[in-house]
Amino acid sequence: GSQTPNAIKDYYVGHINPGEPFGISGLIEPYRYTATVIVGASGRYLIFEAPAIRALCEADATLAAALMTQLAKAALSRLRLSDDNVRCTARD
C-alpha cells in the first residue's frame, strides 16, 4: 500500500517493568509526550493527567521533591540501559 510521507514509524525502545513510571516527559518542560506504550500482557495500571500532577507539585514542595527524585532515578536507570544496549550493538 501507499505510505504517507509524514507517517510516524513505531520503534521498540524498551520495556517498562511493574512499578516503573512511564510518560515522565509530560512532567518536565517542555511538557511533551515523546513515546507511547503498548501493553503486551494483562495487568493493572494507573493513568495520571500531567497538568494535574504538575499543579499538585506546585502546591506541595515536599511532594514535588519526592516525585522528581523518583522520576530522576527512573530516567537515569533507563539511560544507563540504553547506553549499555548501544555499546552491545556497536560490538556486534
C-alpha atoms as a PDB file:
ATOM      1  CA  GLY A   1       0.000   0.000   0.000  1.00  0.00           C
ATOM      2  CA  SER A   2       0.961   3.629  -0.246  1.00  0.00           C
ATOM      3  CA  GLN A   3       2.698   5.342   2.634  1.00  0.00           C
ATOM      4  CA  THR A   4       2.034   8.810   3.957  1.00  0.00           C
ATOM      5  CA  PRO A   5       5.243  10.909   3.756  1.00  0.00           C
ATOM      6  CA  ASN A   6       4.846  12.144   7.330  1.00  0.00           C
ATOM      7  CA  ALA A   7       3.754   8.823   8.805  1.00  0.00           C
ATOM      8  CA  ILE A   8       5.197   8.029  12.203  1.00  0.00           C
ATOM      9  CA  LYS A   9       7.069   4.750  12.384  1.00  0.00           C
ATOM     10  CA  ASP A  10       6.941   2.660  15.544  1.00  0.00           C
ATOM     11  CA  TYR A  11      10.260   1.798  17.162  1.00  0.00           C
ATOM     12  CA  TYR A  12      10.788  -0.570  20.042  1.00  0.00           C
ATOM     13  CA  VAL A  13      12.829   1.279  22.636  1.00  0.00           C
ATOM     14  CA  GLY A  14      12.474  -0.924  25.669  1.00  0.00           C
ATOM     15  CA  HIS A  15      10.073  -2.219  28.227  1.00  0.00           C
ATOM     16  CA  ILE A  16       8.677  -0.861  31.451  1.00  0.00           C
ATOM     17  CA  ASN A  17       8.724  -3.129  34.464  1.00  0.00           C
ATOM     18  CA  PRO A  18       5.922  -3.283  37.014  1.00  0.00           C
ATOM     19  CA  GLY A  19       6.011  -0.269  39.299  1.00  0.00           C
ATOM     20  CA  GLU A  20       8.075   1.896  36.922  1.00  0.00           C
ATOM     21  CA  PRO A  21       6.760   5.264  35.741  1.00  0.00           C
ATOM     22  CA  PHE A  22       6.011   5.960  32.095  1.00  0.00           C
ATOM     23  CA  GLY A  23       5.309   9.264  30.363  1.00  0.00           C
ATOM     24  CA  ILE A  24       7.564  11.304  32.620  1.00  0.00           C
ATOM     25  CA  SER A  25       8.350  13.768  29.826  1.00  0.00           C
ATOM     26  CA  GLY A  26       4.861  15.156  30.378  1.00  0.00           C
ATOM     27  CA  LEU A  27       6.013  16.363  33.804  1.00  0.00           C
ATOM     28  CA  ILE A  28       9.220  18.088  32.696  1.00  0.00           C
ATOM     29  CA  GLU A  29       9.465  21.172  30.477  1.00  0.00           C
ATOM     30  CA  PRO A  30       8.650  21.486  27.606  1.00  0.00           C
ATOM     31  CA  TYR A  31       5.905  19.038  28.734  1.00  0.00           C
ATOM     32  CA  ARG A  32       5.785  16.934  25.563  1.00  0.00           C
ATOM     33  CA  TYR A  33       4.998  13.274  25.453  1.00  0.00           C
ATOM     34  CA  THR A  34       7.725  11.556  23.476  1.00  0.00           C
ATOM     35  CA  ALA A  35       6.542   7.960  23.409  1.00  0.00           C
ATOM     36  CA  THR A  36       3.526   5.703  23.510  1.00  0.00           C
ATOM     37  CA  VAL A  37       3.165   2.498  25.451  1.00  0.00           C
ATOM     38  CA  ILE A  38       1.749  -0.732  24.082  1.00  0.00           C
ATOM     39  CA  VAL A  39       0.643  -3.157  26.766  1.00  0.00           C
ATOM     40  CA  GLY A  40       1.759  -6.675  25.928  1.00  0.00           C
ATOM     41  CA  ALA A  41       0.012  -8.502  28.755  1.00  0.00           C
ATOM     42  CA  SER A  42      -2.942  -8.011  31.002  1.00  0.00           C
ATOM     43  CA  GLY A  43      -2.324  -6.051  34.138  1.00  0.00           C
ATOM     44  CA  ARG A  44      -3.305  -3.027  36.146  1.00  0.00           C
ATOM     45  CA  TYR A  45      -2.070   0.473  35.573  1.00  0.00           C
ATOM     46  CA  LEU A  46      -2.807   3.989  36.725  1.00  0.00           C
ATOM     47  CA  ILE A  47      -3.228   6.988  34.472  1.00  0.00           C
ATOM     48  CA  PHE A  48      -2.455  10.427  35.855  1.00  0.00           C
ATOM     49  CA  GLU A  49      -3.028  13.659  33.986  1.00  0.00           C
ATOM     50  CA  ALA A  50       0.308  15.503  33.811  1.00  0.00           C
ATOM     51  CA  PRO A  51      -1.184  19.018  34.271  1.00  0.00           C
ATOM     52  CA  ALA A  52      -2.895  17.871  37.477  1.00  0.00           C
ATOM     53  CA  ILE A  53       0.324  16.327  38.828  1.00  0.00           C
ATOM     54  CA  ARG A  54       2.249  19.493  37.973  1.00  0.00           C
ATOM     55  CA  ALA A  55      -0.352  21.580  39.834  1.00  0.00           C
ATOM     56  CA  LEU A  56      -0.051  19.338  42.890  1.00  0.00           C
ATOM     57  CA  CYS A  57       3.737  19.674  42.795  1.00  0.00           C
ATOM     58  CA  GLU A  58       3.493  23.461  42.580  1.00  0.00           C
ATOM     59  CA  ALA A  59       1.321  23.439  45.703  1.00  0.00           C
ATOM     60  CA  ASP A  60       3.426  20.927  47.670  1.00  0.00           C
ATOM     61  CA  ALA A  61       7.222  21.234  47.541  1.00  0.00           C
ATOM     62  CA  THR A  62       7.714  18.029  49.547  1.00  0.00           C
ATOM     63  CA  LEU A  63       5.630  16.069  47.035  1.00  0.00           C
ATOM     64  CA  ALA A  64       7.486  17.720  44.142  1.00  0.00           C
ATOM     65  CA  ALA A  65      10.892  16.818  45.594  1.00  0.00           C
ATOM     66  CA  ALA A  66       9.911  13.203  46.285  1.00  0.00           C
ATOM     67  CA  LEU A  67       8.312  12.753  42.866  1.00  0.00           C
ATOM     68  CA  MET A  68      11.197  14.336  40.958  1.00  0.00           C
ATOM     69  CA  THR A  69      13.723  12.222  42.880  1.00  0.00           C
ATOM     70  CA  GLN A  70      11.919   9.034  41.865  1.00  0.00           C
ATOM     71  CA  LEU A  71      11.469  10.212  38.260  1.00  0.00           C
ATOM     72  CA  ALA A  72      15.165  11.106  38.026  1.00  0.00           C
ATOM     73  CA  LYS A  73      16.119   7.637  39.293  1.00  0.00           C
ATOM     74  CA  ALA A  74      13.854   6.001  36.694  1.00  0.00           C
ATOM     75  CA  ALA A  75      15.160   8.216  33.879  1.00  0.00           C
ATOM     76  CA  LEU A  76      18.803   7.583  34.766  1.00  0.00           C
ATOM     77  CA  SER A  77      18.205   3.853  35.007  1.00  0.00           C
ATOM     78  CA  ARG A  78      16.682   3.831  31.507  1.00  0.00           C
ATOM     79  CA  LEU A  79      19.504   5.979  30.192  1.00  0.00           C
ATOM     80  CA  ARG A  80      22.079   3.529  31.569  1.00  0.00           C
ATOM     81  CA  LEU A  81      20.224   0.610  29.991  1.00  0.00           C
ATOM     82  CA  SER A  82      20.010   2.344  26.617  1.00  0.00           C
ATOM     83  CA  ASP A  83      23.731   3.195  26.815  1.00  0.00           C
ATOM     84  CA  ASP A  84      24.513  -0.457  27.580  1.00  0.00           C
ATOM     85  CA  ASN A  85      22.345  -1.551  24.627  1.00  0.00           C
ATOM     86  CA  VAL A  86      24.129   0.845  22.266  1.00  0.00           C
ATOM     87  CA  ARG A  87      27.534  -0.429  23.422  1.00  0.00           C
ATOM     88  CA  CYS A  88      26.464  -4.056  22.933  1.00  0.00           C
ATOM     89  CA  THR A  89      25.097  -3.304  19.463  1.00  0.00           C
ATOM     90  CA  ALA A  90      28.277  -1.473  18.491  1.00  0.00           C
ATOM     91  CA  ARG A  91      30.395  -4.520  19.433  1.00  0.00           C
ATOM     92  CA  ASP A  92      28.270  -6.991  17.431  1.00  0.00           C
END
